[in-house]
Amino acid sequence: MKKLYVLLVVLVATIGASYAQPGGQRQRMSQEERDKRLIETLGLDDAQQKKLTVINKKYQKTFTELREQMQGASDEKRRELFPKMREQMESRNKEIRAMLTKEQAEKFDEMQKQRQERMNNRRAPGERGGARRPGK
């Protein structure tokens, strides 16, 4: 009977610990994964795929530097850096849009709109992180 009791306690503790793990947090997609998704969704041809790679390499260093500066930065510093990040993203998106056909550009714009909506749903306006955090 004592063994059964111990087994039951261990089982309950294990189940409780598994529910306590953060769920729903997604790992940041690599650039290759984002490119693959864009290529598949928009149906990019070989020439467009090469242009996409060139465009992304052009902006990669800047994005990496800005992300590193934002990590662990104060809210004030983040507010200074965020417009720079947004400016770089908009420039990159304009270059990508310029190489697309009209139909592809429409799909691309829709993807960007959906991305923005997901970001807006994750946090309250003006609040870093917001009330809705992944895994909570």
C-alpha atoms as a PDB file:
ATOM      1  CA  MET A   1       0.000   0.000   0.000  1.00  0.00           C
ATOM      2  CA  LYS A   2       2.877   2.323   0.858  1.00  0.00           C
ATOM      3  CA  LYS A   3       4.437   1.715  -2.576  1.00  0.00           C
ATOM      4  CA  LEU A   4       1.157   2.572  -4.269  1.00  0.00           C
ATOM      5  CA  TYR A   5       0.941   5.803  -2.273  1.00  0.00           C
ATOM      6  CA  VAL A   6       4.516   6.771  -3.227  1.00  0.00           C
ATOM      7  CA  LEU A   7       3.805   5.939  -6.878  1.00  0.00           C
ATOM      8  CA  LEU A   8       0.685   8.102  -6.804  1.00  0.00           C
ATOM      9  CA  VAL A   9       2.595  11.048  -5.287  1.00  0.00           C
ATOM     10  CA  VAL A  10       5.333  10.743  -7.925  1.00  0.00           C
ATOM     11  CA  LEU A  11       2.737  10.569 -10.702  1.00  0.00           C
ATOM     12  CA  VAL A  12       0.904  13.668  -9.468  1.00  0.00           C
ATOM     13  CA  ALA A  13       4.169  15.569  -9.062  1.00  0.00           C
ATOM     14  CA  THR A  14       5.260  14.632 -12.586  1.00  0.00           C
ATOM     15  CA  ILE A  15       1.963  15.717 -14.115  1.00  0.00           C
ATOM     16  CA  GLY A  16       2.023  18.957 -12.140  1.00  0.00           C
ATOM     17  CA  ALA A  17       5.566  19.717 -13.260  1.00  0.00           C
ATOM     18  CA  SER A  18       4.678  19.101 -16.901  1.00  0.00           C
ATOM     19  CA  TYR A  19       1.834  21.632 -16.703  1.00  0.00           C
ATOM     20  CA  ALA A  20       4.146  24.153 -15.084  1.00  0.00           C
ATOM     21  CA  GLN A  21       6.446  24.168 -18.129  1.00  0.00           C
ATOM     22  CA  PRO A  22       6.064  27.192 -20.361  1.00  0.00           C
ATOM     23  CA  GLY A  23       3.916  26.204 -23.278  1.00  0.00           C
ATOM     24  CA  GLY A  24       3.245  27.901 -26.548  1.00  0.00           C
ATOM     25  CA  GLN A  25       6.539  29.752 -26.679  1.00  0.00           C
ATOM     26  CA  ARG A  26       7.888  29.527 -30.166  1.00  0.00           C
ATOM     27  CA  GLN A  27      11.503  29.671 -31.066  1.00  0.00           C
ATOM     28  CA  ARG A  28      12.490  32.501 -33.378  1.00  0.00           C
ATOM     29  CA  MET A  29      12.571  31.193 -36.936  1.00  0.00           C
ATOM     30  CA  SER A  30      15.955  31.227 -38.620  1.00  0.00           C
ATOM     31  CA  GLN A  31      16.431  33.382 -41.704  1.00  0.00           C
ATOM     32  CA  GLU A  32      16.559  30.231 -43.823  1.00  0.00           C
ATOM     33  CA  GLU A  33      13.203  29.075 -42.421  1.00  0.00           C
ATOM     34  CA  ARG A  34      11.645  32.492 -43.061  1.00  0.00           C
ATOM     35  CA  ASP A  35      13.048  32.511 -46.604  1.00  0.00           C
ATOM     36  CA  LYS A  36      11.732  28.996 -47.269  1.00  0.00           C
ATOM     37  CA  ARG A  37       8.286  29.992 -46.050  1.00  0.00           C
ATOM     38  CA  LEU A  38       8.307  33.116 -48.223  1.00  0.00           C
ATOM     39  CA  ILE A  39       9.523  31.150 -51.266  1.00  0.00           C
ATOM     40  CA  GLU A  40       6.796  28.537 -50.852  1.00  0.00           C
ATOM     41  CA  THR A  41       3.994  30.974 -50.047  1.00  0.00           C
ATOM     42  CA  LEU A  42       4.770  33.404 -52.859  1.00  0.00           C
ATOM     43  CA  GLY A  43       6.006  30.825 -55.366  1.00  0.00           C
ATOM     44  CA  LEU A  44       9.298  32.594 -56.051  1.00  0.00           C
ATOM     45  CA  ASP A  45      11.298  31.487 -59.097  1.00  0.00           C
ATOM     46  CA  ASP A  46      15.056  30.840 -58.998  1.00  0.00           C
ATOM     47  CA  ALA A  47      16.003  34.412 -59.924  1.00  0.00           C
ATOM     48  CA  GLN A  48      13.716  35.833 -57.231  1.00  0.00           C
ATOM     49  CA  GLN A  49      15.128  33.396 -54.668  1.00  0.00           C
ATOM     50  CA  LYS A  50      18.646  34.609 -55.403  1.00  0.00           C
ATOM     51  CA  LYS A  51      17.542  38.251 -55.108  1.00  0.00           C
ATOM     52  CA  LEU A  52      15.842  37.465 -51.787  1.00  0.00           C
ATOM     53  CA  THR A  53      19.074  35.948 -50.470  1.00  0.00           C
ATOM     54  CA  VAL A  54      21.063  39.021 -51.533  1.00  0.00           C
ATOM     55  CA  ILE A  55      18.546  41.398 -49.931  1.00  0.00           C
ATOM     56  CA  ASN A  56      18.513  39.479 -46.647  1.00  0.00           C
ATOM     57  CA  LYS A  57      22.314  39.309 -46.467  1.00  0.00           C
ATOM     58  CA  LYS A  58      22.426  43.071 -47.025  1.00  0.00           C
ATOM     59  CA  TYR A  59      20.309  43.695 -43.911  1.00  0.00           C
ATOM     60  CA  GLN A  60      21.433  40.759 -41.745  1.00  0.00           C
ATOM     61  CA  LYS A  61      24.324  42.526 -39.991  1.00  0.00           C
ATOM     62  CA  THR A  62      22.212  45.586 -39.126  1.00  0.00           C
ATOM     63  CA  PHE A  63      19.343  43.470 -37.759  1.00  0.00           C
ATOM     64  CA  THR A  64      21.732  41.364 -35.678  1.00  0.00           C
ATOM     65  CA  GLU A  65      23.405  44.451 -34.204  1.00  0.00           C
ATOM     66  CA  LEU A  66      20.077  46.097 -33.370  1.00  0.00           C
ATOM     67  CA  ARG A  67      18.706  42.914 -31.748  1.00  0.00           C
ATOM     68  CA  GLU A  68      21.835  42.590 -29.623  1.00  0.00           C
ATOM     69  CA  GLN A  69      21.568  46.217 -28.528  1.00  0.00           C
ATOM     70  CA  MET A  70      17.884  45.747 -27.640  1.00  0.00           C
ATOM     71  CA  GLN A  71      18.523  42.651 -25.526  1.00  0.00           C
ATOM     72  CA  GLY A  72      18.764  43.697 -21.920  1.00  0.00           C
ATOM     73  CA  ALA A  73      18.370  47.371 -22.840  1.00  0.00           C
ATOM     74  CA  SER A  74      16.303  49.754 -20.770  1.00  0.00           C
ATOM     75  CA  ASP A  75      12.839  50.722 -22.004  1.00  0.00           C
ATOM     76  CA  GLU A  76      14.189  54.136 -22.958  1.00  0.00           C
ATOM     77  CA  LYS A  77      16.978  52.623 -25.058  1.00  0.00           C
ATOM     78  CA  ARG A  78      14.512  50.233 -26.712  1.00  0.00           C
ATOM     79  CA  ARG A  79      12.301  53.189 -27.661  1.00  0.00           C
ATOM     80  CA  GLU A  80      15.339  54.763 -29.334  1.00  0.00           C
ATOM     81  CA  LEU A  81      16.309  51.591 -31.188  1.00  0.00           C
ATOM     82  CA  PHE A  82      12.861  50.437 -32.281  1.00  0.00           C
ATOM     83  CA  PRO A  83      12.386  53.154 -34.969  1.00  0.00           C
ATOM     84  CA  LYS A  84      15.768  52.185 -36.440  1.00  0.00           C
ATOM     85  CA  MET A  85      14.709  48.537 -36.553  1.00  0.00           C
ATOM     86  CA  ARG A  86      11.364  49.456 -38.128  1.00  0.00           C
ATOM     87  CA  GLU A  87      13.096  51.651 -40.721  1.00  0.00           C
ATOM     88  CA  GLN A  88      15.420  48.800 -41.695  1.00  0.00           C
ATOM     89  CA  MET A  89      12.492  46.364 -41.917  1.00  0.00           C
ATOM     90  CA  GLU A  90      10.521  48.757 -44.118  1.00  0.00           C
ATOM     91  CA  SER A  91      13.516  49.279 -46.419  1.00  0.00           C
ATOM     92  CA  ARG A  92      14.041  45.534 -46.694  1.00  0.00           C
ATOM     93  CA  ASN A  93      10.348  44.937 -47.394  1.00  0.00           C
ATOM     94  CA  LYS A  94      10.350  47.613 -50.124  1.00  0.00           C
ATOM     95  CA  GLU A  95      13.275  45.906 -51.834  1.00  0.00           C
ATOM     96  CA  ILE A  96      11.546  42.536 -51.611  1.00  0.00           C
ATOM     97  CA  ARG A  97       8.254  43.975 -52.886  1.00  0.00           C
ATOM     98  CA  ALA A  98      10.054  45.573 -55.859  1.00  0.00           C
ATOM     99  CA  MET A  99      11.201  42.168 -57.176  1.00  0.00           C
ATOM    100  CA  LEU A 100       7.754  40.550 -56.913  1.00  0.00           C
ATOM    101  CA  THR A 101       4.986  40.243 -59.469  1.00  0.00           C
ATOM    102  CA  LYS A 102       1.738  42.070 -58.740  1.00  0.00           C
ATOM    103  CA  GLU A 103       0.081  38.901 -57.399  1.00  0.00           C
ATOM    104  CA  GLN A 104       3.092  38.023 -55.258  1.00  0.00           C
ATOM    105  CA  ALA A 105       3.235  41.576 -53.895  1.00  0.00           C
ATOM    106  CA  GLU A 106      -0.418  41.346 -52.860  1.00  0.00           C
ATOM    107  CA  LYS A 107       0.260  38.063 -51.018  1.00  0.00           C
ATOM    108  CA  PHE A 108       3.357  39.592 -49.424  1.00  0.00           C
ATOM    109  CA  ASP A 109       1.368  42.603 -48.207  1.00  0.00           C
ATOM    110  CA  GLU A 110      -1.268  40.276 -46.741  1.00  0.00           C
ATOM    111  CA  MET A 111       1.445  38.273 -44.942  1.00  0.00           C
ATOM    112  CA  GLN A 112       2.866  41.478 -43.473  1.00  0.00           C
ATOM    113  CA  LYS A 113      -0.599  42.590 -42.358  1.00  0.00           C
ATOM    114  CA  GLN A 114      -1.208  39.248 -40.615  1.00  0.00           C
ATOM    115  CA  ARG A 115       2.215  39.432 -38.952  1.00  0.00           C
ATOM    116  CA  GLN A 116       1.421  42.901 -37.616  1.00  0.00           C
ATOM    117  CA  GLU A 117      -1.949  41.720 -36.282  1.00  0.00           C
ATOM    118  CA  ARG A 118      -0.278  38.807 -34.456  1.00  0.00           C
ATOM    119  CA  MET A 119       2.238  41.187 -32.913  1.00  0.00           C
ATOM    120  CA  ASN A 120      -0.516  43.587 -31.828  1.00  0.00           C
ATOM    121  CA  ASN A 121      -2.434  40.738 -30.183  1.00  0.00           C
ATOM    122  CA  ARG A 122       0.616  39.697 -28.148  1.00  0.00           C
ATOM    123  CA  ARG A 123       1.011  42.955 -26.288  1.00  0.00           C
ATOM    124  CA  ALA A 124      -1.008  45.924 -25.154  1.00  0.00           C
ATOM    125  CA  PRO A 125      -0.226  49.201 -26.941  1.00  0.00           C
ATOM    126  CA  GLY A 126       2.619  51.067 -25.283  1.00  0.00           C
ATOM    127  CA  GLU A 127       3.562  48.208 -23.000  1.00  0.00           C
ATOM    128  CA  ARG A 128       6.643  46.071 -23.429  1.00  0.00           C
ATOM    129  CA  GLY A 129       5.522  42.468 -23.381  1.00  0.00           C
ATOM    130  CA  GLY A 130       1.913  43.349 -22.556  1.00  0.00           C
ATOM    131  CA  ALA A 131      -0.461  41.242 -20.522  1.00  0.00           C
ATOM    132  CA  ARG A 132      -0.619  38.327 -22.990  1.00  0.00           C
ATOM    133  CA  ARG A 133       2.672  36.521 -22.946  1.00  0.00           C
ATOM    134  CA  PRO A 134       3.299  33.185 -24.608  1.00  0.00           C
ATOM    135  CA  GLY A 135       2.840  30.310 -22.213  1.00  0.00           C
ATOM    136  CA  LYS A 136       0.597  32.213 -19.808  1.00  0.00           C
END
